[in-house]
Amino acid sequence: MDVSMSLWVATILGLSALIAVDFFIGRKPHDVSIKEAGTWTVVWIVLAALFGLGLLFFGETQASGEFFAGYITEKSLSVDNLFVFVLIMAKFSVPTHLQQRVLLIGVLVALVLRAIFIAAGAAIIASFSWVFYIFGAFLIYTAWKLIQEARADEPEEEFEENRLLKSIENRFGVADKYHGTKLFIRNNGKRVLTPLMVVMLAIGTTDVLFALDSIPAIFGLTQDPYIVFTANAFALMGLRQLYFLIGGLLKKLVHLSYGLSVILGFIGVKLVLHALHESGVHVPEISIPFSLAVICGVLVITTITSLIASKKQAEREAAEAADGSDGSEKAPKDSVGA
């Protein structure tokens, strides 16, 4: 897709305006209701759909397909990221009325960092076509690792701060409590960070680790930097509302890791085939419509099987609890009879 500088500027300005509106509406710290989160989640999804359909309307059929495939992939990967966001919020004991502000700024930091990653990735791909082999191998390895972690069935781990975050905390110091929406305060004459600022940095910098698989994944679907950036932007900007909407449902998506591993493995194979094709080897290439069908199909199946498995698990736990209560009631009677 041939993208002029004016279109880039218009797109960035348009996205900035949407972010400004979102910030203005949520500027006052408050507990986000399910209704509010649901409404804005639908708004962001509709805006993404309109953007993709707009590409189709202006004759960019391939670009439109690539955008939807990339957007759905990034959105599904971002849902997995919400698990970590939950751990971060718990680690820093973020008050519920401040969580939406944390996510808004954190997502903005993540968006800037991803833009840098995308620019670097596009430059590397333009200069070295063999990088597709590396991207493909990395995604296949990541897919295998996700399956291993899912099968391990380990208890939920606590979030650990990365080195960058620790160095910032040591350099500036951190206040011992939250001070509303303030990011810095004066403590004994010294300017220090508030816990709110630390959490925002934690959300933003942790996303860099997520970008290590999501950026190669979307480059496996399209090599157009404009599509890669807009798909990431729309997926990230609706993440804050999605956090509050499905926060309680995250634990029910027990098969999500398996679904994501299949998607990443599939895109990894697609990248390797593309790399072989670029090297002159006659191999079949996977089309965007087929990729979109596979991604959507895997997500639908994963969601359905997750909900079924969660329901069965809840029924087993309820049955075990009932058996336990029956046994505790019978025990005193048996002892009296003895």
Protein backbone atom coordinates (compact mmCIF):
# COMPACT_ATOMS: atom_id res chain seq x y z
CA MET A 1 0.00 0.00 0.00
CA ASP A 2 1.43 3.37 -1.08
CA VAL A 3 1.06 5.68 1.93
CA SER A 4 1.89 9.35 1.55
CA MET A 5 3.33 11.48 4.32
CA SER A 6 0.07 13.44 4.48
CA LEU A 7 -1.88 10.22 5.14
CA TRP A 8 0.55 9.26 7.90
CA VAL A 9 0.13 12.70 9.49
CA ALA A 10 -3.68 12.57 9.16
CA THR A 11 -3.78 9.09 10.69
CA ILE A 12 -1.59 10.05 13.64
CA LEU A 13 -3.61 13.22 14.22
CA GLY A 14 -6.86 11.24 14.02
CA LEU A 15 -5.63 8.64 16.52
CA SER A 16 -4.34 11.42 18.80
CA ALA A 17 -7.77 13.07 18.71
CA LEU A 18 -9.45 9.78 19.67
CA ILE A 19 -6.99 9.32 22.53
CA ALA A 20 -7.65 12.92 23.67
CA VAL A 21 -11.41 12.27 23.72
CA ASP A 22 -10.86 9.05 25.66
CA PHE A 23 -8.63 10.87 28.15
CA PHE A 24 -11.10 13.76 28.52
CA ILE A 25 -13.99 11.42 29.27
CA GLY A 26 -11.97 9.41 31.77
CA ARG A 27 -10.01 12.33 33.22
CA LYS A 28 -11.76 12.10 36.60
CA PRO A 29 -10.65 9.01 38.57
CA HIS A 30 -13.59 6.69 39.20
CA ASP A 31 -14.57 3.04 39.37
CA VAL A 32 -15.35 1.90 35.84
CA SER A 33 -18.71 0.15 35.56
CA ILE A 34 -19.38 -2.83 33.31
CA LYS A 35 -21.77 -0.66 31.27
CA GLU A 36 -19.14 2.03 30.67
CA ALA A 37 -16.45 -0.52 29.82
CA GLY A 38 -18.80 -2.40 27.50
CA THR A 39 -19.90 0.75 25.69
CA TRP A 40 -16.36 1.94 25.02
CA THR A 41 -15.17 -1.53 24.05
CA VAL A 42 -17.86 -1.59 21.37
CA VAL A 43 -16.92 1.94 20.27
CA TRP A 44 -13.25 1.01 19.76
CA ILE A 45 -14.13 -2.20 17.92
CA VAL A 46 -16.54 -0.29 15.65
CA LEU A 47 -13.89 2.36 14.93
CA ALA A 48 -11.39 -0.37 14.01
CA ALA A 49 -13.99 -2.04 11.77
CA LEU A 50 -14.78 1.29 10.06
CA PHE A 51 -11.08 1.88 9.43
CA GLY A 52 -10.70 -1.56 7.85
CA LEU A 53 -13.84 -1.10 5.75
CA GLY A 54 -12.57 2.35 4.76
CA LEU A 55 -9.47 0.73 3.29
CA LEU A 56 -11.72 -1.66 1.37
CA PHE A 57 -13.91 1.23 0.14
CA PHE A 58 -10.89 3.06 -1.26
CA GLY A 59 -9.85 0.00 -3.23
CA GLU A 60 -7.20 -1.36 -0.87
CA THR A 61 -8.65 -4.86 -0.72
CA GLN A 62 -5.43 -6.59 0.33
CA ALA A 63 -4.61 -3.88 2.86
CA SER A 64 -8.08 -4.23 4.37
CA GLY A 65 -7.68 -8.00 4.77
CA GLU A 66 -4.23 -7.56 6.26
CA PHE A 67 -5.54 -4.97 8.72
CA PHE A 68 -8.35 -7.18 9.99
CA ALA A 69 -6.04 -10.20 10.29
CA GLY A 70 -3.44 -8.10 12.12
CA TYR A 71 -6.00 -6.38 14.34
CA ILE A 72 -7.64 -9.64 15.44
CA THR A 73 -4.24 -11.23 16.10
CA GLU A 74 -3.01 -8.26 18.14
CA LYS A 75 -6.32 -8.07 20.01
CA SER A 76 -6.16 -11.74 20.96
CA LEU A 77 -2.55 -11.41 22.09
CA SER A 78 -3.46 -8.31 24.13
CA VAL A 79 -6.12 -10.29 26.00
CA ASP A 80 -3.33 -12.61 27.16
CA ASN A 81 -1.43 -9.50 28.29
CA LEU A 82 -4.31 -8.59 30.60
CA PHE A 83 -3.34 -11.49 32.86
CA VAL A 84 -0.04 -9.70 33.55
CA PHE A 85 -1.79 -6.35 34.00
CA VAL A 86 -3.94 -7.95 36.71
CA LEU A 87 -0.77 -9.14 38.47
CA ILE A 88 0.76 -5.65 38.24
CA MET A 89 -2.35 -4.01 39.72
CA ALA A 90 -2.31 -6.52 42.58
CA LYS A 91 1.44 -6.17 43.14
CA PHE A 92 1.18 -2.40 43.64
CA SER A 93 -2.26 -2.49 45.32
CA VAL A 94 -3.63 0.09 42.88
CA PRO A 95 -6.92 1.63 44.12
CA THR A 96 -9.79 0.70 41.82
CA HIS A 97 -10.63 4.33 41.02
CA LEU A 98 -7.07 4.92 39.76
CA GLN A 99 -6.75 1.80 37.61
CA GLN A 100 -8.27 3.36 34.51
CA ARG A 101 -5.75 6.25 34.66
CA VAL A 102 -2.89 3.75 35.06
CA LEU A 103 -4.00 1.80 32.02
CA LEU A 104 -4.55 4.90 29.87
CA ILE A 105 -1.03 6.28 30.40
CA GLY A 106 0.51 2.80 30.39
CA VAL A 107 -1.06 2.01 27.04
CA LEU A 108 0.17 5.33 25.62
CA VAL A 109 3.72 4.47 26.68
CA ALA A 110 3.29 1.03 25.11
CA LEU A 111 2.02 2.58 21.87
CA VAL A 112 5.07 4.85 21.58
CA LEU A 113 7.45 1.97 22.29
CA ARG A 114 5.68 -0.25 19.75
CA ALA A 115 5.93 2.49 17.11
CA ILE A 116 9.70 2.41 17.62
CA PHE A 117 9.70 -1.41 17.35
CA ILE A 118 7.61 -1.27 14.17
CA ALA A 119 9.90 1.29 12.53
CA ALA A 120 12.95 -0.80 13.42
CA GLY A 121 11.29 -3.99 12.20
CA ALA A 122 10.27 -2.42 8.89
CA ALA A 123 13.80 -1.13 8.32
CA ILE A 124 15.32 -4.54 9.06
CA ILE A 125 12.87 -6.36 6.78
CA ALA A 126 13.52 -3.90 3.94
CA SER A 127 17.26 -4.52 4.18
CA PHE A 128 17.45 -8.20 5.11
CA SER A 129 14.79 -10.55 3.75
CA TRP A 130 16.36 -13.49 5.62
CA VAL A 131 15.05 -11.99 8.87
CA PHE A 132 11.75 -13.77 8.08
CA TYR A 133 13.49 -17.05 8.94
CA ILE A 134 14.37 -15.65 12.36
CA PHE A 135 10.89 -14.24 12.95
CA GLY A 136 9.28 -17.51 11.87
CA ALA A 137 11.57 -19.67 14.04
CA PHE A 138 11.03 -17.36 17.01
CA LEU A 139 7.23 -17.54 16.70
CA ILE A 140 7.29 -21.34 16.42
CA TYR A 141 9.50 -21.47 19.52
CA THR A 142 7.17 -19.08 21.35
CA ALA A 143 4.19 -21.25 20.39
CA TRP A 144 5.91 -24.35 21.78
CA LYS A 145 6.82 -22.46 24.97
CA LEU A 146 3.22 -21.32 25.46
CA ILE A 147 2.01 -24.91 25.22
CA GLN A 148 4.63 -26.04 27.74
CA GLU A 149 3.57 -23.32 30.18
CA ALA A 150 -0.12 -24.14 29.73
CA ARG A 151 0.49 -27.86 30.34
CA ALA A 152 2.61 -27.14 33.42
CA ASP A 153 -0.53 -25.81 35.14
CA GLU A 154 1.58 -23.86 37.61
CA PRO A 155 0.00 -21.55 40.21
CA GLU A 156 -0.25 -17.86 39.35
CA GLU A 157 3.09 -16.14 39.83
CA GLU A 158 3.68 -12.71 41.28
CA PHE A 159 4.77 -9.90 38.99
CA GLU A 160 8.51 -9.15 39.17
CA GLU A 161 9.82 -5.72 38.28
CA ASN A 162 12.27 -5.56 35.38
CA ARG A 163 15.74 -4.05 35.68
CA LEU A 164 14.78 -0.81 33.94
CA LEU A 165 11.94 -0.23 36.38
CA LYS A 166 14.12 -1.01 39.39
CA SER A 167 16.84 1.35 38.18
CA ILE A 168 14.30 4.18 37.77
CA GLU A 169 12.94 3.57 41.27
CA ASN A 170 16.47 3.58 42.74
CA ARG A 171 17.39 6.73 40.83
CA PHE A 172 14.38 8.85 41.75
CA GLY A 173 12.94 7.17 44.85
CA VAL A 174 9.31 6.23 45.42
CA ALA A 175 6.73 7.66 47.84
CA ASP A 176 5.25 5.29 50.41
CA LYS A 177 1.63 5.86 49.35
CA TYR A 178 -0.59 7.04 46.50
CA HIS A 179 -1.25 10.79 46.16
CA GLY A 180 -4.31 10.87 43.92
CA THR A 181 -3.35 11.28 40.26
CA LYS A 182 0.00 12.95 41.04
CA LEU A 183 3.01 11.34 39.37
CA PHE A 184 5.68 13.20 41.37
CA ILE A 185 5.73 14.75 44.85
CA ARG A 186 8.22 16.55 47.06
CA ASN A 187 9.47 14.43 49.96
CA ASN A 188 11.90 16.14 52.34
CA GLY A 189 12.79 18.55 49.57
CA LYS A 190 13.49 15.77 47.08
CA ARG A 191 11.36 15.10 44.00
CA VAL A 192 10.26 11.45 44.06
CA LEU A 193 7.97 9.21 42.05
CA THR A 194 4.55 8.23 43.32
CA PRO A 195 3.47 4.57 43.18
CA LEU A 196 1.05 5.61 40.41
CA MET A 197 3.95 6.64 38.17
CA VAL A 198 5.76 3.37 38.90
CA VAL A 199 2.71 1.30 37.92
CA MET A 200 2.28 3.26 34.68
CA LEU A 201 5.92 2.59 33.80
CA ALA A 202 5.47 -1.06 34.72
CA ILE A 203 2.51 -1.42 32.35
CA GLY A 204 4.29 0.41 29.52
CA THR A 205 7.71 -1.26 29.79
CA THR A 206 6.28 -4.73 30.34
CA ASP A 207 4.50 -4.36 27.00
CA VAL A 208 7.95 -4.30 25.37
CA LEU A 209 8.24 -8.00 26.25
CA PHE A 210 4.84 -8.65 24.71
CA ALA A 211 5.92 -6.83 21.56
CA LEU A 212 8.70 -9.38 21.07
CA ASP A 213 6.14 -11.89 19.81
CA SER A 214 3.27 -9.64 18.67
CA ILE A 215 5.38 -7.49 16.30
CA PRO A 216 6.93 -10.48 14.44
CA ALA A 217 3.45 -12.06 14.38
CA ILE A 218 1.83 -9.15 12.59
CA PHE A 219 4.80 -8.77 10.23
CA GLY A 220 4.02 -12.35 9.30
CA LEU A 221 0.63 -11.16 8.08
CA THR A 222 1.71 -7.93 6.42
CA GLN A 223 4.96 -6.11 5.73
CA ASP A 224 3.21 -2.76 5.37
CA PRO A 225 4.36 -0.52 8.29
CA TYR A 226 1.16 1.54 8.00
CA ILE A 227 -1.07 -1.52 8.50
CA VAL A 228 1.18 -2.86 11.26
CA PHE A 229 1.01 0.46 13.14
CA THR A 230 -2.73 1.07 12.77
CA ALA A 231 -3.61 -2.53 13.71
CA ASN A 232 -1.46 -2.23 16.85
CA ALA A 233 -2.86 1.20 17.68
CA PHE A 234 -6.51 0.13 17.49
CA ALA A 235 -5.81 -3.09 19.41
CA LEU A 236 -3.99 -1.24 22.20
CA MET A 237 -6.35 1.71 22.52
CA GLY A 238 -9.32 -0.48 23.37
CA LEU A 239 -7.30 -2.47 25.89
CA ARG A 240 -8.16 -0.29 28.89
CA GLN A 241 -11.91 -0.79 28.57
CA LEU A 242 -11.43 -4.48 27.78
CA TYR A 243 -9.55 -4.87 31.08
CA PHE A 244 -12.59 -3.78 33.08
CA LEU A 245 -15.07 -5.60 30.86
CA ILE A 246 -13.56 -9.09 30.93
CA GLY A 247 -11.43 -8.84 34.07
CA GLY A 248 -13.68 -11.34 35.81
CA LEU A 249 -13.76 -13.63 32.77
CA LEU A 250 -9.99 -13.94 32.31
CA LYS A 251 -9.72 -16.96 34.61
CA LYS A 252 -12.41 -18.72 32.56
CA LEU A 253 -10.33 -18.51 29.36
CA VAL A 254 -8.36 -21.60 30.41
CA HIS A 255 -7.51 -22.63 26.84
CA LEU A 256 -6.42 -19.18 25.63
CA SER A 257 -2.72 -20.08 25.76
CA TYR A 258 -3.34 -23.10 23.55
CA GLY A 259 -5.23 -20.97 21.04
CA LEU A 260 -2.52 -18.32 20.96
CA SER A 261 0.16 -20.99 20.54
CA VAL A 262 -1.68 -22.36 17.49
CA ILE A 263 -1.99 -18.85 16.02
CA LEU A 264 1.67 -17.98 16.62
CA GLY A 265 2.81 -21.35 15.30
CA PHE A 266 0.64 -20.92 12.20
CA ILE A 267 2.04 -17.44 11.51
CA GLY A 268 5.56 -18.75 12.16
CA VAL A 269 5.09 -21.40 9.46
CA LYS A 270 3.63 -18.73 7.16
CA LEU A 271 6.76 -16.60 7.69
CA VAL A 272 9.11 -19.49 6.94
CA LEU A 273 7.20 -20.30 3.74
CA HIS A 274 7.35 -16.63 2.76
CA ALA A 275 11.10 -16.56 3.43
CA LEU A 276 11.62 -19.67 1.29
CA HIS A 277 9.54 -18.08 -1.48
CA GLU A 278 11.66 -14.92 -1.29
CA SER A 279 14.76 -17.12 -1.57
CA GLY A 280 13.49 -18.57 -4.85
CA VAL A 281 12.18 -21.86 -3.49
CA HIS A 282 8.86 -22.87 -5.06
CA VAL A 283 6.61 -23.38 -2.03
CA PRO A 284 2.94 -22.50 -1.51
CA GLU A 285 2.23 -19.22 0.29
CA ILE A 286 -0.63 -18.81 2.73
CA SER A 287 -3.14 -16.17 1.65
CA ILE A 288 -4.54 -13.46 3.92
CA PRO A 289 -8.18 -14.71 3.65
CA PHE A 290 -7.04 -18.17 4.74
CA SER A 291 -4.96 -16.67 7.58
CA LEU A 292 -7.94 -14.61 8.74
CA ALA A 293 -10.17 -17.70 8.70
CA VAL A 294 -7.67 -19.74 10.72
CA ILE A 295 -7.15 -16.99 13.32
CA CYS A 296 -10.89 -16.38 13.81
CA GLY A 297 -11.65 -20.11 13.85
CA VAL A 298 -9.01 -20.85 16.48
CA LEU A 299 -10.22 -18.01 18.71
CA VAL A 300 -13.88 -19.10 18.47
CA ILE A 301 -13.04 -22.74 19.23
CA THR A 302 -10.71 -21.74 22.08
CA THR A 303 -13.35 -19.51 23.66
CA ILE A 304 -16.07 -22.17 23.43
CA THR A 305 -13.89 -24.96 24.85
CA SER A 306 -12.62 -22.62 27.61
CA LEU A 307 -16.14 -21.75 28.75
CA ILE A 308 -17.20 -25.42 28.66
CA ALA A 309 -14.14 -26.47 30.67
CA SER A 310 -14.65 -23.64 33.18
CA LYS A 311 -18.30 -24.60 33.64
CA LYS A 312 -17.40 -28.26 34.27
CA GLN A 313 -14.69 -27.22 36.74
CA ALA A 314 -17.15 -25.01 38.62
CA GLU A 315 -19.67 -27.88 38.78
CA ARG A 316 -16.98 -30.25 40.14
CA GLU A 317 -15.95 -27.73 42.80
CA ALA A 318 -19.58 -27.20 43.79
CA ALA A 319 -20.11 -30.97 44.05
CA GLU A 320 -16.96 -31.40 46.15
CA ALA A 321 -18.03 -28.54 48.42
CA ALA A 322 -21.46 -30.15 48.86
CA ASP A 323 -19.91 -33.53 49.68
CA GLY A 324 -17.58 -31.88 52.17
CA SER A 325 -20.43 -30.09 53.96
CA ASP A 326 -22.47 -33.32 54.10
CA GLY A 327 -19.55 -35.17 55.62
CA SER A 328 -18.98 -32.49 58.25
CA GLU A 329 -22.63 -32.63 59.30
CA LYS A 330 -22.63 -36.44 59.59
CA ALA A 331 -19.44 -36.67 61.64
CA PRO A 332 -20.91 -35.43 64.98
CA LYS A 333 -23.86 -37.85 64.64
CA ASP A 334 -21.53 -40.83 64.15
CA SER A 335 -19.49 -39.88 67.21
CA VAL A 336 -22.62 -39.56 69.39
CA GLY A 337 -23.87 -42.95 68.24
CA ALA A 338 -20.53 -44.48 69.20
